[in-house]
N, C-alpha and C. Protein backbone atom coordinates (compact mmCIF):
# COMPACT_ATOMS: atom_id res chain seq x y z
N UNK A 1 -140.16 3.04 169.66
CA UNK A 1 -141.00 4.49 169.09
C UNK A 1 -141.96 4.57 170.14
N UNK A 2 -142.13 6.34 169.99
CA UNK A 2 -143.09 6.67 170.59
C UNK A 2 -144.43 6.85 170.14
N UNK A 3 -145.35 6.53 170.94
CA UNK A 3 -146.95 6.49 170.31
C UNK A 3 -147.59 7.73 169.97
N UNK A 4 -148.31 7.88 169.07
CA UNK A 4 -148.79 9.55 168.74
C UNK A 4 -149.57 9.83 170.00
N UNK A 5 -150.48 9.00 170.81
CA UNK A 5 -151.09 9.38 171.89
C UNK A 5 -150.20 10.04 172.91
N UNK A 6 -149.19 9.41 173.01
CA UNK A 6 -148.27 9.96 174.12
C UNK A 6 -147.56 11.39 173.49
N UNK A 7 -147.14 11.38 172.16
CA UNK A 7 -146.49 12.51 171.97
C UNK A 7 -148.03 13.76 171.81
N UNK A 8 -148.97 13.29 171.48
CA UNK A 8 -150.04 14.37 172.05
C UNK A 8 -150.25 14.80 173.41
N UNK A 9 -149.97 13.94 174.34
CA UNK A 9 -150.00 14.37 175.56
C UNK A 9 -148.91 15.27 175.82
N UNK A 10 -147.72 14.96 175.24
CA UNK A 10 -146.81 16.11 175.75
C UNK A 10 -146.77 17.28 174.74
N UNK A 11 -147.34 17.23 173.72
CA UNK A 11 -147.65 18.56 173.08
C UNK A 11 -148.87 19.17 173.59
N UNK A 12 -149.64 18.57 174.59
CA UNK A 12 -150.84 19.38 175.30
C UNK A 12 -150.12 19.85 176.54
N UNK A 13 -149.21 19.04 177.05
CA UNK A 13 -148.50 19.87 178.12
C UNK A 13 -148.02 21.29 177.87
N UNK A 14 -147.17 21.27 176.58
CA UNK A 14 -146.50 22.40 176.28
C UNK A 14 -147.78 23.50 175.77
N UNK A 15 -149.00 23.05 175.50
CA UNK A 15 -149.90 24.01 174.96
C UNK A 15 -149.68 24.10 173.42
N UNK A 16 -149.18 23.16 172.76
CA UNK A 16 -149.04 23.23 171.46
C UNK A 16 -150.01 22.08 170.67
N UNK A 17 -149.90 22.77 169.36
CA UNK A 17 -150.66 21.67 168.50
C UNK A 17 -149.68 20.52 167.91
N UNK A 18 -150.30 19.99 167.02
CA UNK A 18 -149.40 18.64 166.38
C UNK A 18 -148.30 19.78 165.51
N UNK A 19 -146.86 18.91 165.23
CA UNK A 19 -146.22 19.57 164.14
C UNK A 19 -146.70 19.71 162.93
N UNK A 20 -147.49 18.82 162.35
CA UNK A 20 -148.51 18.92 161.15
C UNK A 20 -149.24 19.95 161.07
N UNK A 21 -149.83 20.56 162.17
CA UNK A 21 -150.95 21.62 161.95
C UNK A 21 -150.32 22.78 162.42
N UNK A 22 -149.15 22.94 163.27
CA UNK A 22 -148.68 24.29 163.90
C UNK A 22 -147.85 24.87 162.85
N UNK A 23 -148.17 26.30 162.62
CA UNK A 23 -147.54 26.93 161.63
C UNK A 23 -146.22 27.50 162.32
N UNK A 24 -145.20 27.84 161.55
CA UNK A 24 -144.00 28.45 161.95
C UNK A 24 -144.41 29.56 163.06
N UNK A 25 -145.14 30.63 162.65
CA UNK A 25 -145.52 31.45 163.44
C UNK A 25 -145.85 31.05 164.85
N UNK A 26 -147.06 30.04 164.64
CA UNK A 26 -147.34 29.53 165.90
C UNK A 26 -146.22 28.92 166.86
N UNK A 27 -145.50 28.50 166.30
CA UNK A 27 -144.54 27.42 167.08
C UNK A 27 -143.38 28.67 167.46
N UNK A 28 -143.17 29.65 166.93
CA UNK A 28 -142.22 30.61 167.46
C UNK A 28 -143.04 31.55 168.72
N UNK A 29 -144.33 31.92 168.59
CA UNK A 29 -144.81 32.79 169.76
C UNK A 29 -145.33 31.98 170.75
N UNK A 30 -145.65 30.51 170.65
CA UNK A 30 -146.14 29.79 171.85
C UNK A 30 -145.01 28.89 172.51
N UNK A 31 -143.54 28.92 172.00
CA UNK A 31 -142.49 28.26 172.60
C UNK A 31 -142.25 29.31 173.97
N UNK A 32 -142.10 28.35 174.83
CA UNK A 32 -141.46 28.96 176.18
C UNK A 32 -140.18 27.85 176.78
N UNK A 33 -139.42 28.67 177.29
CA UNK A 33 -138.27 28.13 177.95
C UNK A 33 -138.95 27.17 179.01
N UNK A 34 -138.37 25.87 179.15
CA UNK A 34 -138.58 24.88 180.18
C UNK A 34 -137.50 24.24 180.69
N UNK A 35 -137.50 24.15 182.20
CA UNK A 35 -136.28 23.62 182.78
C UNK A 35 -136.52 22.33 183.61
N UNK A 36 -137.81 21.84 183.42
CA UNK A 36 -138.21 20.62 184.58
C UNK A 36 -138.74 19.58 183.24
N UNK A 37 -138.25 18.61 183.25
CA UNK A 37 -138.26 17.65 182.26
C UNK A 37 -138.63 16.39 182.96
N UNK A 38 -139.33 15.16 182.22
CA UNK A 38 -139.56 13.94 182.97
C UNK A 38 -138.18 13.34 182.47
N UNK A 39 -138.10 11.74 183.05
CA UNK A 39 -136.79 11.19 182.61
C UNK A 39 -136.60 10.46 181.49
N UNK A 40 -137.88 10.75 180.47
CA UNK A 40 -138.02 10.06 179.42
C UNK A 40 -137.11 10.38 178.22
N UNK A 41 -136.39 9.21 177.66
CA UNK A 41 -135.40 9.80 176.39
C UNK A 41 -136.31 10.39 175.22
N UNK A 42 -135.53 11.16 174.70
CA UNK A 42 -136.19 12.03 173.26
C UNK A 42 -135.90 10.74 172.38
N UNK A 43 -137.22 10.65 171.59
CA UNK A 43 -137.29 9.84 170.44
C UNK A 43 -136.43 9.96 169.17
N UNK A 44 -135.69 8.75 168.90
CA UNK A 44 -134.63 9.21 167.56
C UNK A 44 -135.12 9.90 166.69
N UNK A 45 -136.43 9.91 166.10
CA UNK A 45 -136.88 10.45 165.08
C UNK A 45 -137.14 12.02 165.31
N UNK A 46 -137.77 12.36 166.18
CA UNK A 46 -137.63 13.79 166.92
C UNK A 46 -136.40 14.50 166.99
N UNK A 47 -135.29 13.57 167.63
CA UNK A 47 -133.74 14.11 167.77
C UNK A 47 -133.28 14.13 166.10
N UNK A 48 -133.71 13.57 165.22
CA UNK A 48 -133.04 13.88 163.80
C UNK A 48 -133.55 14.93 163.45
N UNK A 49 -134.80 15.23 163.58
CA UNK A 49 -135.40 16.45 163.18
C UNK A 49 -134.82 17.80 163.80
N UNK A 50 -134.59 17.84 165.01
CA UNK A 50 -134.18 18.63 165.88
C UNK A 50 -132.72 19.04 165.22
N UNK A 51 -131.96 18.01 165.00
CA UNK A 51 -130.61 18.37 164.53
C UNK A 51 -130.52 18.82 163.37
N UNK A 52 -131.42 18.45 162.35
CA UNK A 52 -131.59 18.76 161.01
C UNK A 52 -131.99 20.36 160.98
N UNK A 53 -132.74 20.67 161.92
CA UNK A 53 -133.09 22.16 162.05
C UNK A 53 -131.92 23.02 162.11
N UNK A 54 -130.96 22.52 163.25
CA UNK A 54 -129.89 22.95 163.59
C UNK A 54 -129.00 23.04 162.38
N UNK A 55 -128.73 22.09 161.50
CA UNK A 55 -127.81 22.05 160.52
C UNK A 55 -128.48 22.98 159.57
N UNK A 56 -129.58 23.34 159.40
CA UNK A 56 -130.10 24.04 158.17
C UNK A 56 -130.11 25.65 158.47
N UNK A 57 -129.66 26.12 159.68
CA UNK A 57 -129.52 27.46 160.26
C UNK A 57 -128.58 28.07 159.29
N UNK A 58 -128.62 29.24 158.84
CA UNK A 58 -127.71 29.75 157.91
C UNK A 58 -126.36 30.25 158.95
N UNK A 59 -125.13 30.55 158.25
CA UNK A 59 -124.07 30.73 158.95
C UNK A 59 -123.39 32.04 157.96
N UNK A 60 -122.83 33.07 158.90
CA UNK A 60 -122.03 34.04 158.35
C UNK A 60 -121.14 33.43 157.17
N UNK A 61 -121.32 34.10 156.03
CA UNK A 61 -120.40 33.75 154.90
C UNK A 61 -120.50 32.22 154.36
N UNK A 62 -121.32 31.58 155.20
CA UNK A 62 -121.77 30.03 154.86
C UNK A 62 -120.53 29.15 155.43
N UNK A 63 -119.91 29.59 156.20
CA UNK A 63 -118.91 28.84 156.88
C UNK A 63 -119.18 27.55 157.53
N UNK A 64 -120.39 27.68 158.33
CA UNK A 64 -120.73 26.44 159.02
C UNK A 64 -119.69 26.01 159.83
N UNK A 65 -119.11 26.88 160.83
CA UNK A 65 -117.98 26.27 161.50
C UNK A 65 -118.38 25.56 162.78
N UNK A 66 -119.62 25.66 163.35
CA UNK A 66 -120.10 25.08 164.62
C UNK A 66 -120.44 23.99 164.25
N UNK A 67 -119.89 22.75 165.53
CA UNK A 67 -120.57 21.57 165.57
C UNK A 67 -121.47 21.58 166.53
N UNK A 68 -122.20 20.21 166.52
CA UNK A 68 -123.22 20.00 167.67
C UNK A 68 -122.62 18.68 168.48
N UNK A 69 -122.90 18.79 169.65
CA UNK A 69 -122.16 17.48 170.59
C UNK A 69 -123.75 17.21 171.39
N UNK A 70 -124.35 15.98 171.09
CA UNK A 70 -125.67 15.62 171.81
C UNK A 70 -125.03 14.89 172.89
N UNK A 71 -125.49 15.24 174.14
CA UNK A 71 -125.20 14.81 175.46
C UNK A 71 -126.25 14.11 176.35
N UNK A 72 -125.87 12.72 176.45
CA UNK A 72 -127.03 11.94 177.00
C UNK A 72 -126.40 11.32 178.38
N UNK A 73 -125.05 11.40 178.36
CA UNK A 73 -124.47 10.70 179.27
C UNK A 73 -124.61 11.62 180.62
N UNK A 74 -125.12 10.92 181.75
CA UNK A 74 -125.28 11.60 182.90
C UNK A 74 -124.08 12.24 183.52
N UNK A 75 -122.95 11.46 183.59
CA UNK A 75 -121.73 11.91 184.06
C UNK A 75 -121.22 13.20 183.49
N UNK A 76 -121.34 13.25 182.17
CA UNK A 76 -121.02 14.40 180.98
C UNK A 76 -122.03 15.63 181.64
N UNK A 77 -123.35 15.32 181.46
CA UNK A 77 -124.45 16.34 181.97
C UNK A 77 -123.94 17.05 183.34
N UNK A 78 -123.72 15.97 184.11
CA UNK A 78 -123.15 16.59 185.61
C UNK A 78 -122.05 17.45 185.69
N UNK A 79 -121.16 16.92 184.78
CA UNK A 79 -119.86 17.74 184.52
C UNK A 79 -120.00 19.00 184.09
N UNK A 80 -121.36 19.29 183.27
CA UNK A 80 -121.35 20.53 182.50
C UNK A 80 -122.08 21.55 183.53
N UNK A 81 -123.02 21.09 184.71
CA UNK A 81 -123.23 21.88 185.58
C UNK A 81 -122.43 22.96 186.22
N UNK A 82 -121.14 22.68 186.38
CA UNK A 82 -120.28 23.56 186.54
C UNK A 82 -119.66 24.56 185.66
N UNK A 83 -120.21 24.35 184.22
CA UNK A 83 -119.73 25.33 183.42
C UNK A 83 -120.39 26.46 183.25
N UNK A 84 -121.49 26.98 183.92
CA UNK A 84 -122.41 27.77 183.90
C UNK A 84 -122.65 28.37 185.17
N UNK A 85 -122.82 29.74 185.26
CA UNK A 85 -123.17 30.05 186.71
C UNK A 85 -124.78 29.91 186.92
N UNK A 86 -125.46 29.76 186.03
CA UNK A 86 -126.93 29.38 186.24
C UNK A 86 -127.43 27.97 185.64
N UNK A 87 -126.49 27.01 185.55
CA UNK A 87 -126.51 25.70 185.05
C UNK A 87 -126.70 24.67 186.23
N UNK A 88 -127.41 24.78 187.44
CA UNK A 88 -127.46 23.82 188.01
C UNK A 88 -128.18 22.72 188.07
N UNK A 89 -129.23 23.18 187.21
CA UNK A 89 -130.46 22.02 186.87
C UNK A 89 -130.22 21.64 185.76
N UNK A 90 -129.15 21.71 184.79
CA UNK A 90 -129.20 20.96 183.58
C UNK A 90 -128.98 19.48 183.75
N UNK A 91 -128.77 19.02 184.75
CA UNK A 91 -128.21 17.44 184.80
C UNK A 91 -129.43 16.60 184.67
N UNK A 92 -130.67 17.46 184.82
CA UNK A 92 -131.85 16.94 184.93
C UNK A 92 -132.53 16.63 183.47
N UNK A 93 -131.70 17.09 182.47
CA UNK A 93 -132.37 16.94 181.18
C UNK A 93 -132.16 15.69 180.56
N UNK A 94 -133.46 15.00 179.73
CA UNK A 94 -133.06 14.01 178.99
C UNK A 94 -131.74 14.24 177.97
N UNK A 95 -131.58 14.94 177.44
CA UNK A 95 -130.46 15.31 176.26
C UNK A 95 -130.10 16.89 176.55
N UNK A 96 -128.98 17.09 176.26
CA UNK A 96 -128.24 18.45 176.29
C UNK A 96 -127.59 18.69 174.91
N UNK A 97 -127.47 19.52 174.06
CA UNK A 97 -127.10 19.76 173.02
C UNK A 97 -125.97 21.00 173.08
N UNK A 98 -124.73 20.49 173.03
CA UNK A 98 -123.70 21.51 173.02
C UNK A 98 -123.31 22.13 171.73
N UNK A 99 -123.13 23.42 171.64
CA UNK A 99 -122.52 24.39 170.43
C UNK A 99 -121.21 24.66 170.67
N UNK A 100 -120.42 23.69 169.70
CA UNK A 100 -118.80 23.90 169.70
C UNK A 100 -118.53 24.84 168.65
N UNK A 101 -117.69 25.54 168.86
CA UNK A 101 -116.94 26.55 167.81
C UNK A 101 -115.47 26.53 167.91
N UNK A 102 -114.89 26.76 166.82
CA UNK A 102 -113.30 26.95 167.06
C UNK A 102 -113.31 28.23 167.51
N UNK A 103 -112.38 28.16 168.56
CA UNK A 103 -112.20 29.54 169.27
C UNK A 103 -111.74 30.73 168.49
N UNK A 104 -110.99 30.43 167.30
CA UNK A 104 -110.58 31.39 166.50
C UNK A 104 -111.56 32.11 165.40
N UNK A 105 -112.87 31.25 165.59
CA UNK A 105 -114.08 31.85 164.61
C UNK A 105 -115.11 31.61 165.41
N UNK A 106 -114.98 32.17 166.64
CA UNK A 106 -116.22 31.98 167.41
C UNK A 106 -117.56 33.00 166.96
N UNK A 107 -118.36 32.41 166.26
CA UNK A 107 -119.73 33.12 165.90
C UNK A 107 -121.04 32.73 166.80
N UNK A 108 -120.79 33.71 167.82
CA UNK A 108 -122.10 33.47 168.58
C UNK A 108 -123.53 33.72 167.97
N UNK A 109 -123.55 34.64 166.94
CA UNK A 109 -124.66 34.75 166.08
C UNK A 109 -125.20 33.48 165.47
N UNK A 110 -124.18 32.90 164.89
CA UNK A 110 -124.84 31.84 164.40
C UNK A 110 -124.88 30.44 165.12
N UNK A 111 -124.43 30.50 166.34
CA UNK A 111 -124.90 29.39 167.33
C UNK A 111 -126.35 30.02 167.88
N UNK A 112 -126.43 31.11 167.85
CA UNK A 112 -127.86 31.54 168.25
C UNK A 112 -128.90 31.11 167.45
N UNK A 113 -128.55 31.30 166.04
CA UNK A 113 -129.44 30.80 164.96
C UNK A 113 -129.97 29.34 165.17
N UNK A 114 -128.57 28.66 165.36
CA UNK A 114 -129.13 27.13 165.26
C UNK A 114 -129.77 26.99 166.48
N UNK A 115 -129.36 27.20 167.58
CA UNK A 115 -130.00 27.13 168.92
C UNK A 115 -131.67 27.43 168.41
N UNK A 116 -131.60 28.33 168.25
CA UNK A 116 -133.33 29.02 167.83
C UNK A 116 -134.09 27.85 167.08
N UNK A 117 -133.07 27.64 165.85
CA UNK A 117 -133.84 26.70 165.12
C UNK A 117 -134.54 25.42 165.53
N UNK A 118 -133.49 24.94 166.37
CA UNK A 118 -133.55 23.35 167.23
C UNK A 118 -134.61 23.58 168.39
N UNK A 119 -134.76 24.82 169.14
CA UNK A 119 -135.74 24.88 169.89
C UNK A 119 -137.02 24.77 169.60
N UNK A 120 -137.19 25.92 168.20
CA UNK A 120 -138.50 25.80 167.73
C UNK A 120 -139.13 24.55 167.15
N UNK A 121 -137.88 23.69 166.59
CA UNK A 121 -138.19 22.43 166.02
C UNK A 121 -138.84 21.19 167.34
N UNK A 122 -137.95 21.65 168.56
CA UNK A 122 -138.21 20.61 169.53
C UNK A 122 -139.49 20.98 170.13
N UNK A 123 -140.19 22.17 170.05
CA UNK A 123 -141.33 22.76 170.62
C UNK A 123 -142.38 22.10 169.68
N UNK A 124 -142.23 22.21 168.35
CA UNK A 124 -143.25 21.34 167.45
C UNK A 124 -143.49 20.03 167.65
N UNK A 125 -142.30 19.38 168.19
CA UNK A 125 -142.26 17.94 168.66
C UNK A 125 -142.75 17.53 169.79
N UNK A 126 -143.06 18.60 170.92
CA UNK A 126 -143.73 18.45 171.94
C UNK A 126 -142.75 18.46 172.92
N UNK A 127 -141.57 18.63 172.67
CA UNK A 127 -140.51 18.63 173.66
C UNK A 127 -140.00 20.07 174.37
N UNK A 128 -139.68 19.90 175.40
CA UNK A 128 -139.56 21.48 175.88
C UNK A 128 -137.88 21.43 175.66
N UNK A 129 -137.46 23.06 176.01
CA UNK A 129 -135.76 23.27 175.62
C UNK A 129 -135.90 24.79 176.52
N UNK A 130 -134.38 24.86 176.51
CA UNK A 130 -133.97 26.04 177.07
C UNK A 130 -132.35 26.19 176.76
N UNK A 131 -132.15 27.62 176.60
CA UNK A 131 -130.65 27.62 176.24
C UNK A 131 -130.12 28.19 177.38
N UNK A 132 -128.81 27.65 177.46
CA UNK A 132 -127.78 27.98 178.86
C UNK A 132 -126.90 28.37 178.34
N UNK A 133 -126.20 29.54 178.75
CA UNK A 133 -124.60 29.97 178.48
C UNK A 133 -123.78 29.36 179.51
N UNK A 134 -122.60 28.92 178.98
CA UNK A 134 -121.76 28.73 179.65
C UNK A 134 -120.41 29.62 179.74
N UNK A 135 -120.35 30.04 180.99
CA UNK A 135 -119.43 31.02 181.05
C UNK A 135 -118.06 30.52 181.51
N UNK A 136 -117.86 29.16 181.92
CA UNK A 136 -116.37 28.69 182.57
C UNK A 136 -115.86 27.92 181.29
N UNK A 137 -115.33 28.40 180.28
CA UNK A 137 -114.92 27.72 179.14
C UNK A 137 -113.93 26.56 179.24
N UNK A 138 -113.22 26.42 180.11
CA UNK A 138 -112.12 25.39 180.59
C UNK A 138 -113.28 24.19 181.12
N UNK A 139 -114.01 24.44 181.83
CA UNK A 139 -114.92 23.54 182.01
C UNK A 139 -115.77 22.78 181.27
N UNK A 140 -116.21 23.45 180.34
CA UNK A 140 -117.24 23.08 179.42
C UNK A 140 -116.15 22.11 178.43
N UNK A 141 -115.18 22.73 177.85
CA UNK A 141 -114.10 21.99 177.26
C UNK A 141 -113.92 20.73 177.54
N UNK A 142 -113.53 20.73 179.12
CA UNK A 142 -112.96 19.33 179.59
C UNK A 142 -114.09 18.30 179.86
N UNK A 143 -115.26 18.78 180.26
CA UNK A 143 -116.44 18.10 180.14
C UNK A 143 -116.80 17.05 178.76
N UNK A 144 -116.37 17.44 177.64
CA UNK A 144 -116.86 17.16 176.55
C UNK A 144 -115.80 16.60 175.77
N UNK A 145 -114.29 17.00 176.04
CA UNK A 145 -113.40 16.48 175.62
C UNK A 145 -112.83 17.45 174.47
N UNK A 146 -113.34 18.68 174.56
CA UNK A 146 -113.01 19.61 173.32
C UNK A 146 -111.77 19.67 173.15
N UNK A 147 -111.04 19.95 172.03
CA UNK A 147 -109.62 20.22 171.62
C UNK A 147 -109.57 21.75 172.39
N UNK A 148 -108.05 22.17 172.75
CA UNK A 148 -107.85 23.43 173.39
C UNK A 148 -108.25 24.45 172.35
N UNK A 149 -108.33 24.41 171.13
CA UNK A 149 -108.54 25.43 170.19
C UNK A 149 -109.95 25.61 169.71
N UNK A 150 -110.93 24.74 170.69
CA UNK A 150 -112.28 24.90 170.40
C UNK A 150 -113.24 25.28 171.71
N UNK A 151 -114.27 26.08 171.64
CA UNK A 151 -115.13 26.31 172.85
C UNK A 151 -116.37 26.01 172.71
N UNK A 152 -117.16 25.81 173.81
CA UNK A 152 -118.58 25.51 173.77
C UNK A 152 -119.38 26.49 174.52
N UNK A 153 -119.43 27.69 173.84
CA UNK A 153 -120.25 28.80 174.94
C UNK A 153 -121.62 28.67 175.21
N UNK A 154 -122.21 27.68 174.80
CA UNK A 154 -123.72 27.52 175.27
C UNK A 154 -124.29 26.00 174.84
N UNK A 155 -125.36 25.82 175.49
CA UNK A 155 -125.99 24.44 175.30
C UNK A 155 -127.46 24.80 175.48
N UNK A 156 -128.28 23.63 174.78
CA UNK A 156 -129.89 23.79 174.89
C UNK A 156 -130.05 22.39 175.65
N UNK A 157 -131.02 22.71 176.51
CA UNK A 157 -131.34 21.48 177.00
C UNK A 157 -132.83 20.78 176.53
N UNK A 158 -133.02 19.43 176.68
CA UNK A 158 -134.17 19.06 175.78
C UNK A 158 -134.72 18.08 176.75
N UNK A 159 -136.07 18.03 176.85
CA UNK A 159 -136.65 16.91 177.54
C UNK A 159 -138.18 17.00 177.29
N UNK A 160 -139.02 16.25 177.53
CA UNK A 160 -140.47 16.06 177.68
C UNK A 160 -140.96 16.80 179.11
N UNK A 161 -141.58 17.79 178.86
CA UNK A 161 -141.93 18.66 179.96
C UNK A 161 -142.89 17.87 181.03
N UNK A 162 -142.49 18.13 182.29
CA UNK A 162 -143.29 17.54 183.50
C UNK A 162 -144.85 18.42 183.48
N UNK A 163 -145.72 17.48 183.36
CA UNK A 163 -147.17 18.04 183.46
C UNK A 163 -147.52 18.51 184.73
N UNK A 164 -148.15 19.96 184.83
CA UNK A 164 -148.74 20.51 186.03
C UNK A 164 -147.41 20.90 186.94
N UNK A 165 -146.30 20.83 186.56
CA UNK A 165 -145.11 21.03 187.77
C UNK A 165 -145.18 22.55 188.21
N UNK A 166 -145.12 22.98 189.38
CA UNK A 166 -145.27 24.36 189.89
C UNK A 166 -144.35 25.09 189.32
N UNK A 167 -143.38 24.74 188.61
CA UNK A 167 -142.25 25.59 187.67
C UNK A 167 -142.78 25.73 186.53
N UNK A 168 -143.93 25.23 185.96
CA UNK A 168 -144.28 25.36 184.61
C UNK A 168 -144.34 26.76 184.25
N UNK A 169 -143.97 26.69 183.07
CA UNK A 169 -143.98 28.47 182.47
C UNK A 169 -145.26 29.20 182.62
N UNK A 170 -145.32 30.39 182.98
CA UNK A 170 -146.24 30.88 183.08
C UNK A 170 -146.67 31.93 181.64
N UNK A 171 -147.71 32.24 181.48
CA UNK A 171 -147.79 33.05 179.91
C UNK A 171 -147.79 34.58 180.83
N UNK A 172 -146.57 35.01 180.63
CA UNK A 172 -146.33 36.33 181.20
C UNK A 172 -146.41 37.39 179.86
N UNK A 173 -146.86 38.46 180.51
CA UNK A 173 -147.04 39.48 179.67
C UNK A 173 -145.63 40.17 179.01
N UNK A 174 -145.61 40.06 177.73
CA UNK A 174 -144.32 40.41 176.89
C UNK A 174 -144.57 42.18 177.04
N UNK A 175 -143.28 42.53 176.55
CA UNK A 175 -143.19 43.99 176.07
C UNK A 175 -144.08 44.31 174.93
N UNK A 176 -145.01 45.51 175.00
CA UNK A 176 -145.82 45.51 173.76
C UNK A 176 -145.23 45.84 172.46
N UNK A 177 -145.76 45.75 171.20
CA UNK A 177 -144.78 45.84 170.03
C UNK A 177 -144.63 47.51 169.94
N UNK A 178 -145.53 48.30 170.72
CA UNK A 178 -145.34 49.84 170.58
C UNK A 178 -144.04 50.50 171.71
N UNK A 179 -144.04 49.60 172.81
CA UNK A 179 -142.65 49.73 173.51
C UNK A 179 -141.20 48.93 172.88
N UNK A 180 -141.46 48.08 172.12
CA UNK A 180 -140.50 47.53 171.66
C UNK A 180 -139.87 48.19 170.43
N UNK A 181 -140.71 48.49 169.38
CA UNK A 181 -140.39 49.04 167.88
C UNK A 181 -140.29 50.41 167.84
N UNK A 182 -139.35 50.65 167.36
CA UNK A 182 -139.02 52.36 166.89
C UNK A 182 -138.98 52.40 165.37
N UNK A 183 -139.46 53.37 164.57
CA UNK A 183 -139.43 53.52 163.09
C UNK A 183 -138.44 54.58 162.83
N UNK A 184 -137.29 54.31 162.27
CA UNK A 184 -136.53 55.23 161.48
C UNK A 184 -135.76 56.13 162.63
N UNK A 185 -136.15 56.49 163.90
CA UNK A 185 -135.26 57.15 164.63
C UNK A 185 -135.98 56.60 166.09
N UNK A 186 -135.26 56.87 167.05
CA UNK A 186 -135.39 56.43 168.29
C UNK A 186 -136.59 56.93 169.24
N UNK A 187 -136.64 58.25 168.84
CA UNK A 187 -137.73 58.93 169.51
C UNK A 187 -139.04 59.24 168.76
């Protein structure tokens, strides 16, 4: 079991408060995509909360067609590197979570809702994450042994952040609300 001082250190690396004190809004606006992680395994209790956050995401018509694949096996992670055009780094993750869907009912919106819930929950736990699109369906399917009528269009990577790494996320300026939002009409 992970000690509370260690959790505080990981949360401090991410620039977040404890899960108990972080509001949902604070978790959303302070979350950053991270691609560099320590080799440390994700604590079971944290993983359970992250998976539960995904399970609780809504789905169109409440079909709940998607399934989650928790990937910690290094050989499987390495095979997934070839499933995406920008996935060369994912093999260094402590855990990868794959989002599997029946090909006949591929619901990318539902996958996105699950993924965002899980990444925000991970952030509140002091765990970094990043979504990765897998454009090579056959490679992804073969890597995790999915049946031919299933697809895995994306994964999220999870891991404890590397402190003071040169690739740590910078606080970049986001588009302003005035530039983002229109009211009633485009102009």
